[in-house]
N, C-alpha and C. Protein backbone atom coordinates (compact mmCIF):
# COMPACT_ATOMS: atom_id res chain seq x y z
N UNK A 1 -64.44 10.79 -61.19
CA UNK A 1 -64.00 11.36 -59.98
C UNK A 1 -63.42 10.37 -59.02
N UNK A 2 -63.97 9.23 -59.01
CA UNK A 2 -63.51 8.20 -58.10
C UNK A 2 -62.10 7.77 -58.40
N UNK A 3 -61.74 7.78 -59.66
CA UNK A 3 -60.40 7.34 -60.00
C UNK A 3 -59.38 8.44 -59.67
N UNK A 4 -59.81 9.69 -59.75
CA UNK A 4 -58.92 10.78 -59.41
C UNK A 4 -58.65 10.80 -57.91
N UNK A 5 -59.69 10.60 -57.16
CA UNK A 5 -59.54 10.54 -55.70
C UNK A 5 -58.64 9.40 -55.30
N UNK A 6 -58.82 8.29 -55.99
CA UNK A 6 -58.01 7.11 -55.71
C UNK A 6 -56.54 7.41 -56.03
N UNK A 7 -56.29 8.08 -57.14
CA UNK A 7 -54.91 8.43 -57.52
C UNK A 7 -54.30 9.40 -56.50
N UNK A 8 -55.12 10.33 -56.02
CA UNK A 8 -54.65 11.29 -55.03
C UNK A 8 -54.29 10.57 -53.72
N UNK A 9 -55.15 9.67 -53.29
CA UNK A 9 -54.87 8.90 -52.06
C UNK A 9 -53.60 8.06 -52.23
N UNK A 10 -53.45 7.47 -53.41
CA UNK A 10 -52.25 6.65 -53.66
C UNK A 10 -51.01 7.55 -53.64
N UNK A 11 -51.10 8.73 -54.22
CA UNK A 11 -49.97 9.65 -54.24
C UNK A 11 -49.63 10.10 -52.81
N UNK A 12 -50.66 10.38 -52.03
CA UNK A 12 -50.43 10.77 -50.63
C UNK A 12 -49.77 9.64 -49.85
N UNK A 13 -50.28 8.46 -50.07
CA UNK A 13 -49.71 7.29 -49.38
C UNK A 13 -48.27 7.05 -49.82
N UNK A 14 -47.99 7.21 -51.13
CA UNK A 14 -46.62 7.04 -51.63
C UNK A 14 -45.69 8.09 -51.01
N UNK A 15 -46.19 9.33 -50.88
CA UNK A 15 -45.40 10.41 -50.27
C UNK A 15 -45.16 10.10 -48.79
N UNK A 16 -46.20 9.60 -48.13
CA UNK A 16 -46.05 9.24 -46.71
C UNK A 16 -45.07 8.09 -46.55
N UNK A 17 -45.13 7.10 -47.43
CA UNK A 17 -44.19 5.97 -47.39
C UNK A 17 -42.77 6.47 -47.62
N UNK A 18 -42.61 7.40 -48.58
CA UNK A 18 -41.27 7.94 -48.87
C UNK A 18 -40.75 8.72 -47.66
N UNK A 19 -41.61 9.48 -47.00
CA UNK A 19 -41.20 10.25 -45.82
C UNK A 19 -40.81 9.29 -44.69
N UNK A 20 -41.55 8.22 -44.53
CA UNK A 20 -41.23 7.22 -43.50
C UNK A 20 -39.91 6.52 -43.82
N UNK A 21 -39.64 6.27 -45.09
CA UNK A 21 -38.36 5.64 -45.47
C UNK A 21 -37.19 6.58 -45.15
N UNK A 22 -37.37 7.87 -45.44
CA UNK A 22 -36.32 8.85 -45.13
C UNK A 22 -36.10 8.92 -43.63
N UNK A 23 -37.22 8.94 -42.89
CA UNK A 23 -37.13 8.96 -41.42
C UNK A 23 -36.45 7.69 -40.89
N UNK A 24 -36.79 6.54 -41.51
CA UNK A 24 -36.17 5.27 -41.12
C UNK A 24 -34.67 5.30 -41.38
N UNK A 25 -34.23 5.83 -42.50
CA UNK A 25 -32.81 5.93 -42.81
C UNK A 25 -32.10 6.86 -41.82
N UNK A 26 -32.76 7.94 -41.45
CA UNK A 26 -32.17 8.87 -40.48
C UNK A 26 -32.00 8.19 -39.12
N UNK A 27 -33.02 7.45 -38.71
CA UNK A 27 -32.92 6.72 -37.44
C UNK A 27 -31.86 5.62 -37.51
N UNK A 28 -31.78 4.96 -38.67
CA UNK A 28 -30.77 3.92 -38.85
C UNK A 28 -29.37 4.53 -38.76
N UNK A 29 -29.16 5.69 -39.36
CA UNK A 29 -27.86 6.37 -39.31
C UNK A 29 -27.53 6.79 -37.87
N UNK A 30 -28.54 7.27 -37.16
CA UNK A 30 -28.33 7.62 -35.74
C UNK A 30 -27.97 6.39 -34.92
N UNK A 31 -28.66 5.28 -35.19
CA UNK A 31 -28.39 4.04 -34.46
C UNK A 31 -26.98 3.54 -34.74
N UNK A 32 -26.55 3.62 -35.99
CA UNK A 32 -25.19 3.18 -36.36
C UNK A 32 -24.17 4.06 -35.64
N UNK A 33 -24.39 5.38 -35.64
CA UNK A 33 -23.48 6.29 -34.93
C UNK A 33 -23.46 6.01 -33.43
N UNK A 34 -24.63 5.77 -32.86
CA UNK A 34 -24.70 5.47 -31.42
C UNK A 34 -24.01 4.14 -31.13
N UNK A 35 -24.20 3.15 -32.00
CA UNK A 35 -23.54 1.85 -31.81
C UNK A 35 -22.03 1.97 -31.89
N UNK A 36 -21.54 2.78 -32.84
CA UNK A 36 -20.08 2.92 -32.96
C UNK A 36 -19.53 3.67 -31.74
N UNK A 37 -20.23 4.71 -31.26
CA UNK A 37 -19.77 5.40 -30.05
C UNK A 37 -19.83 4.48 -28.84
N UNK A 38 -20.88 3.66 -28.77
CA UNK A 38 -21.00 2.70 -27.67
C UNK A 38 -19.87 1.67 -27.72
N UNK A 39 -19.53 1.20 -28.91
CA UNK A 39 -18.44 0.23 -29.04
C UNK A 39 -17.12 0.86 -28.61
N UNK A 40 -16.89 2.13 -28.99
CA UNK A 40 -15.67 2.82 -28.58
C UNK A 40 -15.65 2.99 -27.06
N UNK A 41 -16.80 3.34 -26.47
CA UNK A 41 -16.87 3.50 -25.02
C UNK A 41 -16.60 2.18 -24.31
N UNK A 42 -17.15 1.10 -24.84
CA UNK A 42 -16.90 -0.22 -24.24
C UNK A 42 -15.44 -0.61 -24.36
N UNK A 43 -14.81 -0.33 -25.50
CA UNK A 43 -13.38 -0.61 -25.65
C UNK A 43 -12.56 0.20 -24.64
N UNK A 44 -12.94 1.46 -24.47
CA UNK A 44 -12.23 2.31 -23.49
C UNK A 44 -12.41 1.76 -22.09
N UNK A 45 -13.63 1.36 -21.76
CA UNK A 45 -13.90 0.79 -20.42
C UNK A 45 -13.09 -0.48 -20.22
N UNK A 46 -13.03 -1.33 -21.24
CA UNK A 46 -12.23 -2.56 -21.13
C UNK A 46 -10.76 -2.25 -20.89
N UNK A 47 -10.24 -1.27 -21.63
CA UNK A 47 -8.83 -0.90 -21.45
C UNK A 47 -8.59 -0.33 -20.06
N UNK A 48 -9.49 0.52 -19.59
CA UNK A 48 -9.33 1.11 -18.26
C UNK A 48 -9.44 0.03 -17.18
N UNK A 49 -10.35 -0.91 -17.36
CA UNK A 49 -10.48 -2.00 -16.39
C UNK A 49 -9.23 -2.88 -16.37
N UNK A 50 -8.66 -3.16 -17.53
CA UNK A 50 -7.43 -3.96 -17.58
C UNK A 50 -6.29 -3.21 -16.90
N UNK A 51 -6.18 -1.91 -17.18
CA UNK A 51 -5.14 -1.10 -16.53
C UNK A 51 -5.35 -1.07 -15.03
N UNK A 52 -6.59 -0.91 -14.60
CA UNK A 52 -6.89 -0.88 -13.16
C UNK A 52 -6.54 -2.21 -12.51
N UNK A 53 -6.87 -3.30 -13.17
CA UNK A 53 -6.55 -4.62 -12.61
C UNK A 53 -5.04 -4.80 -12.47
N UNK A 54 -4.27 -4.37 -13.46
CA UNK A 54 -2.82 -4.52 -13.35
C UNK A 54 -2.25 -3.61 -12.27
N UNK A 55 -2.76 -2.38 -12.17
CA UNK A 55 -2.29 -1.47 -11.12
C UNK A 55 -2.68 -2.00 -9.74
N UNK A 56 -3.88 -2.54 -9.64
CA UNK A 56 -4.33 -3.08 -8.35
C UNK A 56 -3.47 -4.27 -7.94
N UNK A 57 -3.14 -5.15 -8.87
CA UNK A 57 -2.30 -6.29 -8.52
C UNK A 57 -0.90 -5.83 -8.13
N UNK A 58 -0.39 -4.79 -8.79
CA UNK A 58 0.92 -4.25 -8.42
C UNK A 58 0.87 -3.64 -7.01
N UNK A 59 -0.20 -2.94 -6.71
CA UNK A 59 -0.35 -2.36 -5.36
C UNK A 59 -0.47 -3.45 -4.31
N UNK A 60 -1.17 -4.51 -4.62
CA UNK A 60 -1.31 -5.62 -3.66
C UNK A 60 0.05 -6.27 -3.43
N UNK A 61 0.83 -6.46 -4.50
CA UNK A 61 2.17 -7.03 -4.34
C UNK A 61 3.04 -6.11 -3.48
N UNK A 62 2.97 -4.80 -3.75
CA UNK A 62 3.76 -3.85 -2.96
C UNK A 62 3.33 -3.87 -1.50
N UNK A 63 2.03 -3.95 -1.26
CA UNK A 63 1.52 -3.99 0.12
C UNK A 63 2.02 -5.24 0.83
N UNK A 64 1.97 -6.37 0.15
CA UNK A 64 2.45 -7.62 0.76
C UNK A 64 3.95 -7.54 1.05
N UNK A 65 4.71 -6.96 0.11
CA UNK A 65 6.15 -6.82 0.31
C UNK A 65 6.43 -5.90 1.50
N UNK A 66 5.72 -4.79 1.57
CA UNK A 66 5.91 -3.87 2.69
C UNK A 66 5.47 -4.50 4.01
N UNK A 67 4.41 -5.30 3.96
CA UNK A 67 3.95 -5.99 5.18
C UNK A 67 5.02 -6.96 5.67
N UNK A 68 5.61 -7.70 4.74
CA UNK A 68 6.69 -8.63 5.11
C UNK A 68 7.87 -7.88 5.71
N UNK A 69 8.23 -6.76 5.09
CA UNK A 69 9.34 -5.95 5.61
C UNK A 69 9.01 -5.44 7.00
N UNK A 70 7.79 -4.96 7.19
CA UNK A 70 7.36 -4.47 8.50
C UNK A 70 7.43 -5.57 9.54
N UNK A 71 6.99 -6.77 9.19
CA UNK A 71 7.02 -7.88 10.14
C UNK A 71 8.46 -8.23 10.52
N UNK A 72 9.39 -8.18 9.54
CA UNK A 72 10.79 -8.44 9.86
C UNK A 72 11.32 -7.39 10.82
N UNK A 73 11.01 -6.12 10.55
CA UNK A 73 11.48 -5.04 11.43
C UNK A 73 10.85 -5.15 12.81
N UNK A 74 9.59 -5.55 12.88
CA UNK A 74 8.96 -5.71 14.19
C UNK A 74 9.63 -6.84 14.97
N UNK A 75 10.01 -7.90 14.28
CA UNK A 75 10.74 -8.99 14.94
C UNK A 75 12.09 -8.48 15.45
N UNK A 76 12.77 -7.68 14.64
CA UNK A 76 14.06 -7.13 15.06
C UNK A 76 13.88 -6.24 16.28
N UNK A 77 12.83 -5.43 16.28
CA UNK A 77 12.56 -4.55 17.42
C UNK A 77 12.25 -5.36 18.67
N UNK A 78 11.48 -6.45 18.52
CA UNK A 78 11.18 -7.29 19.68
C UNK A 78 12.46 -7.88 20.27
N UNK A 79 13.35 -8.36 19.40
CA UNK A 79 14.61 -8.93 19.88
C UNK A 79 15.42 -7.85 20.59
N UNK A 80 15.46 -6.65 20.01
CA UNK A 80 16.22 -5.56 20.63
C UNK A 80 15.63 -5.17 21.97
N UNK A 81 14.31 -5.17 22.07
CA UNK A 81 13.67 -4.84 23.34
C UNK A 81 13.96 -5.90 24.39
N UNK A 82 13.97 -7.16 23.98
CA UNK A 82 14.30 -8.24 24.92
C UNK A 82 15.74 -8.08 25.41
N UNK A 83 16.66 -7.82 24.47
CA UNK A 83 18.06 -7.62 24.86
C UNK A 83 18.21 -6.41 25.77
N UNK A 84 17.50 -5.33 25.46
CA UNK A 84 17.54 -4.13 26.30
C UNK A 84 17.04 -4.44 27.71
N UNK A 85 15.93 -5.18 27.79
CA UNK A 85 15.38 -5.53 29.11
C UNK A 85 16.35 -6.42 29.88
N UNK A 86 16.98 -7.38 29.17
CA UNK A 86 17.95 -8.25 29.83
C UNK A 86 19.14 -7.43 30.35
N UNK A 87 19.64 -6.51 29.52
CA UNK A 87 20.76 -5.67 29.95
C UNK A 87 20.37 -4.78 31.12
N UNK A 88 19.16 -4.23 31.09
CA UNK A 88 18.70 -3.39 32.19
C UNK A 88 18.65 -4.21 33.49
N UNK A 89 18.12 -5.44 33.38
CA UNK A 89 18.07 -6.31 34.56
C UNK A 89 19.47 -6.61 35.07
N UNK A 90 20.41 -6.87 34.15
CA UNK A 90 21.78 -7.17 34.56
C UNK A 90 22.42 -5.95 35.24
N UNK A 91 22.18 -4.76 34.71
CA UNK A 91 22.74 -3.55 35.32
C UNK A 91 22.12 -3.32 36.69
N UNK A 92 20.83 -3.55 36.81
CA UNK A 92 20.17 -3.38 38.12
C UNK A 92 20.74 -4.37 39.12
N UNK A 93 20.91 -5.62 38.70
CA UNK A 93 21.49 -6.62 39.60
C UNK A 93 22.91 -6.23 40.01
N UNK A 94 23.69 -5.74 39.05
CA UNK A 94 25.05 -5.32 39.35
C UNK A 94 25.05 -4.15 40.33
N UNK A 95 24.18 -3.19 40.10
CA UNK A 95 24.10 -2.04 41.00
C UNK A 95 23.67 -2.48 42.40
N UNK A 96 22.73 -3.42 42.48
CA UNK A 96 22.28 -3.91 43.79
C UNK A 96 23.41 -4.65 44.50
N UNK A 97 24.19 -5.44 43.74
CA UNK A 97 25.31 -6.16 44.37
C UNK A 97 26.35 -5.17 44.87
N UNK A 98 26.61 -4.13 44.09
CA UNK A 98 27.60 -3.13 44.52
C UNK A 98 27.10 -2.40 45.75
N UNK A 99 25.84 -2.02 45.76
CA UNK A 99 25.28 -1.31 46.90
C UNK A 99 25.23 -2.18 48.15
N UNK A 100 24.96 -3.47 47.98
CA UNK A 100 24.86 -4.34 49.14
C UNK A 100 26.22 -4.85 49.61
N UNK A 101 27.24 -4.60 48.84
CA UNK A 101 28.57 -5.06 49.20
C UNK A 101 29.10 -4.24 50.38
N UNK A 102 29.66 -4.95 51.36
CA UNK A 102 30.25 -4.27 52.52
C UNK A 102 31.70 -3.91 52.25
N UNK A 103 32.25 -4.55 51.25
CA UNK A 103 33.65 -4.27 50.92
C UNK A 103 33.72 -3.03 50.04
N UNK A 104 34.88 -2.48 50.01
CA UNK A 104 35.13 -1.38 49.09
C UNK A 104 35.33 -2.02 47.71
N UNK A 105 34.50 -1.60 46.71
CA UNK A 105 34.57 -2.26 45.40
C UNK A 105 35.90 -2.03 44.69
N UNK A 106 36.67 -1.06 45.15
CA UNK A 106 37.97 -0.84 44.51
C UNK A 106 38.94 -1.95 44.88
N UNK A 107 38.62 -2.72 45.93
CA UNK A 107 39.50 -3.80 46.35
C UNK A 107 39.19 -5.10 45.61
N UNK A 108 38.15 -5.10 44.79
CA UNK A 108 37.79 -6.31 44.06
C UNK A 108 38.89 -6.65 43.06
N UNK A 109 39.03 -7.94 42.81
CA UNK A 109 40.06 -8.40 41.86
C UNK A 109 39.64 -8.00 40.44
N UNK A 110 40.63 -7.60 39.69
CA UNK A 110 40.35 -7.23 38.30
C UNK A 110 40.09 -8.49 37.49
N UNK A 111 39.32 -8.35 36.46
CA UNK A 111 39.05 -9.52 35.62
C UNK A 111 40.29 -9.87 34.82
N UNK A 112 40.29 -11.04 34.29
CA UNK A 112 41.44 -11.51 33.53
C UNK A 112 41.17 -11.41 32.02
N UNK A 113 40.26 -10.55 31.64
CA UNK A 113 39.96 -10.38 30.23
C UNK A 113 41.03 -9.53 29.59
N UNK A 114 41.58 -10.01 28.48
CA UNK A 114 42.60 -9.28 27.75
C UNK A 114 41.92 -8.56 26.59
N UNK A 115 42.14 -7.29 26.46
CA UNK A 115 41.55 -6.50 25.38
C UNK A 115 42.62 -6.34 24.31
N UNK A 116 42.38 -6.82 23.10
CA UNK A 116 43.39 -6.75 22.06
C UNK A 116 43.70 -5.32 21.60
N UNK A 117 42.73 -4.42 21.67
CA UNK A 117 42.97 -3.02 21.32
C UNK A 117 42.03 -2.18 22.15
N UNK A 118 42.41 -0.98 22.38
CA UNK A 118 41.58 -0.10 23.18
C UNK A 118 40.40 0.41 22.35
N UNK A 119 39.27 0.54 23.02
CA UNK A 119 38.09 1.05 22.35
C UNK A 119 38.09 2.56 22.46
N UNK A 120 37.38 3.20 21.54
CA UNK A 120 37.25 4.66 21.59
C UNK A 120 36.39 5.05 22.77
N UNK A 121 36.35 6.33 23.05
CA UNK A 121 35.55 6.81 24.17
C UNK A 121 34.09 6.51 23.90
N UNK A 122 33.42 6.07 24.91
CA UNK A 122 32.01 5.72 24.80
C UNK A 122 31.17 6.98 24.83
N UNK A 123 30.09 6.95 24.10
CA UNK A 123 29.16 8.08 24.14
C UNK A 123 28.51 8.17 25.52
N UNK A 124 28.29 7.04 26.13
CA UNK A 124 27.64 6.98 27.43
C UNK A 124 28.66 6.46 28.44
N UNK A 125 29.27 7.34 29.16
CA UNK A 125 30.25 6.85 30.13
C UNK A 125 29.54 6.61 31.45
N UNK A 126 29.85 5.49 32.04
CA UNK A 126 29.24 5.09 33.30
C UNK A 126 30.26 5.30 34.40
N UNK A 127 29.93 6.11 35.37
CA UNK A 127 30.82 6.30 36.50
C UNK A 127 30.09 5.82 37.74
N UNK A 128 30.78 5.01 38.48
CA UNK A 128 30.22 4.48 39.74
C UNK A 128 30.90 5.21 40.86
N UNK A 129 30.11 5.83 41.67
CA UNK A 129 30.64 6.56 42.79
C UNK A 129 30.43 5.73 44.05
N UNK A 130 31.45 5.68 44.93
CA UNK A 130 31.29 4.90 46.15
C UNK A 130 30.27 5.57 47.07
N UNK A 131 29.64 4.71 47.87
CA UNK A 131 28.66 5.22 48.83
C UNK A 131 29.36 6.03 49.90
N UNK A 132 28.75 7.10 50.30
CA UNK A 132 29.36 7.85 51.41
C UNK A 132 29.28 7.03 52.69
N UNK A 133 30.30 7.15 53.58
CA UNK A 133 30.32 6.30 54.80
C UNK A 133 29.28 6.70 55.79
């Protein structure tokens, strides 16, 4: 009887070992599948990161280019504003001189500037009216 029991225990243990080997192979197959999916995911992440880095550097270059363009235009606007202010001051001074003049401005001597060709009509025509007496 002892030898039969021993054979039965050995058979049970062999069956348990075989079941564990099958389970081990199943887990190994799952691990291989998970590893291959993980490797594909990592490759995808690497590709997306490389694409993002190139797009980000292109956006930074575009931003710097646009910033430079904006700075040039701001400089142009500043110069135009300075010229506008200077012209406004000159017109104010001219108007003050005309208003403070006791002479009739129509009696003033004409300038000696020669105009090679006539200019077209101005969009902004300036008319100076004499002061009422």
